Amino acid sequence: MAHILIEYHHVLLQGFTTTLKLLGCIMLIGVPTGTLLGVIGGRYNHELGKIIKGARFITKVIPVLVFLFWLHYPLQSLLGIVVDPFWTTAIALGIINMIATAHVIAIELELLPKSYREAGITLGLSKNQVVRHIELPLLVRRTIPQLLLNQAAMLEYTLFASLISVPELFRTAQSINAMIYQPVAIYSLLVLFFFAVLAPLHLCITWLQKKYIAQYA
């Protein structure tokens, strides 16, 4: 494996960079917008909250790969446009990430006990102070593990981009294997890469869940 890593490091680095760029775009599309929609839907607009729940149900029952292919082929054909596969993937996974993030935020806002708000107001805090000093810290503790888990899933979903010709890490590995045909070594490198990235992340998520959710319960 070492000789492959040394000889093709520049190609693998390009694939790795593309994967990181793709993940970054997915997070930028999904997390800020999803958080905003979740706050509005969970606190201020219950109709939007229902739409978020419906959208979350749809993204659960339609496989990610099917949704990605639908955006890449039929939709673009219907609209008479051609979008770079990178951006098709970023938009498709960004939408899924946005809906997942909005759902997490909206649900956790609904689950926040009203007694905390009432206690804060009884102690003389304004509504803004209650939000800033009581509700927001609780919301962050409840949602951070779930949001991190969503981003880990998004990293895994970037593998599907290879099926529509995005030169991310998996497709790069396939290209190298097509040239030298050493699948054991090449795909073992992929296993090591994803283990090195996702194992610490999942351990961190588990630790946060034990620390925050147990305290909250």
Protein backbone atom coordinates (compact mmCIF):
# COMPACT_ATOMS: atom_id res chain seq x y z
CA MET A 1 0.00 0.00 0.00
CA ALA A 2 2.85 2.35 0.81
CA HIS A 3 4.26 2.33 -2.71
CA ILE A 4 0.81 3.16 -4.16
CA LEU A 5 0.39 5.98 -1.68
CA ILE A 6 3.82 7.37 -2.60
CA GLU A 7 3.50 6.95 -6.37
CA TYR A 8 -0.08 8.24 -6.68
CA HIS A 9 -0.15 10.63 -3.74
CA HIS A 10 -0.81 13.66 -5.97
CA VAL A 11 -3.84 11.95 -7.59
CA LEU A 12 -5.19 10.77 -4.25
CA LEU A 13 -4.65 14.24 -2.82
CA GLN A 14 -6.75 15.74 -5.64
CA GLY A 15 -9.54 13.26 -4.93
CA PHE A 16 -9.32 13.96 -1.21
CA THR A 17 -9.44 17.71 -1.86
CA THR A 18 -12.51 17.31 -4.07
CA THR A 19 -14.22 15.26 -1.35
CA LEU A 20 -13.46 17.94 1.25
CA LYS A 21 -14.71 20.72 -1.06
CA LEU A 22 -17.88 18.76 -1.72
CA LEU A 23 -18.47 18.16 1.99
CA GLY A 24 -17.81 21.84 2.72
CA CYS A 25 -20.41 22.93 0.15
CA ILE A 26 -22.94 20.42 1.50
CA MET A 27 -22.45 21.77 5.02
CA LEU A 28 -22.65 25.41 3.90
CA ILE A 29 -25.88 24.75 2.03
CA GLY A 30 -27.43 22.55 4.71
CA VAL A 31 -26.45 23.64 8.21
CA PRO A 32 -27.06 27.43 8.31
CA THR A 33 -30.26 27.29 6.23
CA GLY A 34 -31.50 24.20 8.03
CA THR A 35 -30.87 25.81 11.43
CA LEU A 36 -32.80 28.93 10.43
CA LEU A 37 -35.73 26.91 9.07
CA GLY A 38 -35.70 24.70 12.15
CA VAL A 39 -35.86 27.67 14.53
CA ILE A 40 -38.72 29.25 12.58
CA GLY A 41 -40.60 25.98 12.22
CA GLY A 42 -40.04 24.85 15.79
CA ARG A 43 -40.82 28.11 17.54
CA TYR A 44 -42.63 30.62 15.35
CA ASN A 45 -44.42 28.89 12.47
CA HIS A 46 -46.01 25.50 13.14
CA GLU A 47 -47.10 25.12 9.53
CA LEU A 48 -43.47 25.29 8.47
CA GLY A 49 -42.72 22.75 11.19
CA LYS A 50 -45.21 20.36 9.59
CA ILE A 51 -43.64 20.92 6.18
CA ILE A 52 -40.21 20.12 7.63
CA LYS A 53 -41.52 16.87 9.12
CA GLY A 54 -43.10 15.96 5.79
CA ALA A 55 -39.90 16.74 3.90
CA ARG A 56 -37.90 14.67 6.38
CA PHE A 57 -40.23 11.73 5.80
CA ILE A 58 -39.76 12.05 2.03
CA THR A 59 -35.95 12.10 2.31
CA LYS A 60 -36.12 8.96 4.44
CA VAL A 61 -38.23 6.95 2.00
CA ILE A 62 -36.45 8.08 -1.19
CA PRO A 63 -32.90 6.68 -1.38
CA VAL A 64 -30.15 9.30 -1.63
CA LEU A 65 -28.77 7.73 -4.81
CA VAL A 66 -32.17 7.83 -6.53
CA PHE A 67 -32.62 11.51 -5.60
CA LEU A 68 -29.12 12.33 -6.87
CA PHE A 69 -29.69 10.57 -10.19
CA TRP A 70 -33.09 12.23 -10.59
CA LEU A 71 -31.50 15.67 -10.21
CA HIS A 72 -28.64 14.77 -12.53
CA TYR A 73 -30.53 13.19 -15.42
CA PRO A 74 -34.36 13.58 -15.66
CA LEU A 75 -34.66 17.02 -14.07
CA GLN A 76 -31.86 18.58 -16.09
CA SER A 77 -33.27 17.00 -19.24
CA LEU A 78 -36.72 18.43 -18.49
CA LEU A 79 -35.26 21.88 -17.85
CA GLY A 80 -32.92 21.72 -20.84
CA ILE A 81 -29.85 22.54 -18.77
CA VAL A 82 -26.53 20.89 -17.93
CA VAL A 83 -25.15 21.37 -14.42
CA ASP A 84 -21.66 20.32 -13.38
CA PRO A 85 -21.94 16.97 -11.53
CA PHE A 86 -20.03 18.46 -8.58
CA TRP A 87 -22.72 21.08 -8.04
CA THR A 88 -25.52 18.61 -8.70
CA THR A 89 -24.15 16.48 -5.88
CA ALA A 90 -23.58 19.49 -3.62
CA ILE A 91 -27.15 20.70 -4.15
CA ALA A 92 -28.72 17.24 -3.76
CA LEU A 93 -26.87 16.39 -0.56
CA GLY A 94 -27.13 20.00 0.65
CA ILE A 95 -30.93 19.79 0.42
CA ILE A 96 -30.95 16.50 2.34
CA ASN A 97 -28.61 17.99 4.93
CA MET A 98 -30.75 21.12 5.21
CA ILE A 99 -33.93 19.12 5.82
CA ALA A 100 -32.21 16.84 8.35
CA THR A 101 -30.77 19.84 10.21
CA ALA A 102 -34.09 21.69 10.22
CA HIS A 103 -35.86 18.60 11.54
CA VAL A 104 -33.38 18.16 14.38
CA ILE A 105 -33.62 21.82 15.44
CA ALA A 106 -37.43 21.98 15.15
CA ILE A 107 -37.99 18.77 17.12
CA GLU A 108 -35.59 19.72 19.89
CA LEU A 109 -37.18 23.16 20.20
CA GLU A 110 -40.56 21.51 20.63
CA LEU A 111 -39.13 19.20 23.30
CA LEU A 112 -37.63 22.00 25.39
CA PRO A 113 -39.70 22.13 28.59
CA LYS A 114 -41.73 25.33 28.89
CA SER A 115 -41.04 25.26 32.62
CA TYR A 116 -37.47 26.44 31.96
CA ARG A 117 -38.75 29.53 30.19
CA GLU A 118 -41.32 30.18 32.88
CA ALA A 119 -38.71 29.78 35.62
CA GLY A 120 -36.40 32.25 33.87
CA ILE A 121 -39.17 34.84 33.52
CA THR A 122 -40.12 34.30 37.19
CA LEU A 123 -36.51 35.06 38.13
CA GLY A 124 -36.76 38.38 36.30
CA LEU A 125 -35.09 37.50 33.00
CA SER A 126 -36.42 38.97 29.77
CA LYS A 127 -37.53 36.66 26.93
CA ASN A 128 -34.30 37.41 25.05
CA GLN A 129 -32.23 36.59 28.14
CA VAL A 130 -34.14 33.34 28.62
CA VAL A 131 -33.39 32.37 25.03
CA ARG A 132 -29.73 33.40 25.26
CA HIS A 133 -28.87 32.01 28.69
CA ILE A 134 -31.22 29.04 29.12
CA GLU A 135 -32.81 27.76 25.92
CA LEU A 136 -29.90 28.26 23.51
CA PRO A 137 -27.31 26.40 25.67
CA LEU A 138 -29.77 23.54 26.16
CA LEU A 139 -30.55 23.44 22.44
CA VAL A 140 -26.86 23.35 21.53
CA ARG A 141 -26.21 20.47 23.91
CA ARG A 142 -29.15 18.52 22.55
CA THR A 143 -28.47 19.09 18.85
CA ILE A 144 -24.68 19.06 18.44
CA PRO A 145 -24.33 15.23 18.58
CA GLN A 146 -27.18 14.74 16.09
CA LEU A 147 -25.86 17.42 13.72
CA LEU A 148 -22.37 15.92 13.81
CA LEU A 149 -23.88 12.52 13.04
CA ASN A 150 -25.65 14.05 10.03
CA GLN A 151 -22.37 15.49 8.73
CA ALA A 152 -20.69 12.10 9.09
CA ALA A 153 -23.50 10.64 6.98
CA MET A 154 -22.97 13.39 4.39
CA LEU A 155 -19.30 12.43 4.10
CA GLU A 156 -20.35 8.85 3.43
CA TYR A 157 -22.91 10.00 0.85
CA THR A 158 -20.21 11.82 -1.12
CA LEU A 159 -19.19 8.37 -2.38
CA PHE A 160 -22.29 8.44 -4.59
CA ALA A 161 -20.82 11.40 -6.47
CA SER A 162 -18.45 8.99 -8.21
CA LEU A 163 -21.46 7.49 -10.03
CA ILE A 164 -22.10 10.76 -11.86
CA SER A 165 -18.42 11.34 -12.69
CA VAL A 166 -17.34 13.61 -9.84
CA PRO A 167 -13.59 12.97 -9.34
CA GLU A 168 -13.82 12.58 -5.56
CA LEU A 169 -11.71 10.14 -3.54
CA PHE A 170 -13.61 6.96 -4.38
CA ARG A 171 -13.62 7.63 -8.13
CA THR A 172 -9.95 8.52 -7.95
CA ALA A 173 -9.27 5.16 -6.30
CA GLN A 174 -11.26 3.44 -9.06
CA SER A 175 -9.19 5.22 -11.72
CA ILE A 176 -5.92 4.17 -10.09
CA ASN A 177 -7.16 0.60 -9.80
CA ALA A 178 -8.08 0.60 -13.49
CA MET A 179 -4.45 1.44 -14.31
CA ILE A 180 -2.57 -0.91 -11.99
CA TYR A 181 -5.27 -3.33 -10.81
CA GLN A 182 -4.38 -3.77 -7.17
CA PRO A 183 -7.86 -3.63 -5.60
CA VAL A 184 -6.86 -5.06 -2.23
CA ALA A 185 -4.25 -2.39 -1.59
CA ILE A 186 -6.18 0.52 -3.11
CA TYR A 187 -9.51 -0.13 -1.41
CA SER A 188 -7.73 -0.94 1.84
CA LEU A 189 -6.34 2.59 1.69
CA LEU A 190 -9.92 3.86 1.37
CA VAL A 191 -10.97 1.80 4.37
CA LEU A 192 -8.12 3.25 6.41
CA PHE A 193 -8.96 6.78 5.30
CA PHE A 194 -12.62 6.61 6.26
CA PHE A 195 -11.82 4.80 9.49
CA ALA A 196 -9.27 7.47 10.42
CA VAL A 197 -11.80 10.26 9.76
CA LEU A 198 -15.08 8.74 10.94
CA ALA A 199 -13.98 6.64 13.94
CA PRO A 200 -12.83 9.65 16.03
CA LEU A 201 -15.93 11.59 14.95
CA HIS A 202 -18.29 8.82 16.05
CA LEU A 203 -16.41 8.42 19.33
CA CYS A 204 -16.77 12.16 19.89
CA ILE A 205 -20.50 11.96 19.13
CA THR A 206 -20.94 9.09 21.59
CA TRP A 207 -19.07 11.03 24.27
CA LEU A 208 -21.18 14.14 23.71
CA GLN A 209 -24.39 12.11 23.86
CA LYS A 210 -23.39 10.57 27.17
CA LYS A 211 -22.26 13.90 28.60
CA TYR A 212 -25.08 16.21 27.47
CA ILE A 213 -28.16 14.13 26.83
CA ALA A 214 -27.76 12.16 30.05
CA GLN A 215 -27.44 15.42 31.99
CA TYR A 216 -30.48 16.86 30.24
CA ALA A 217 -32.57 13.75 30.94
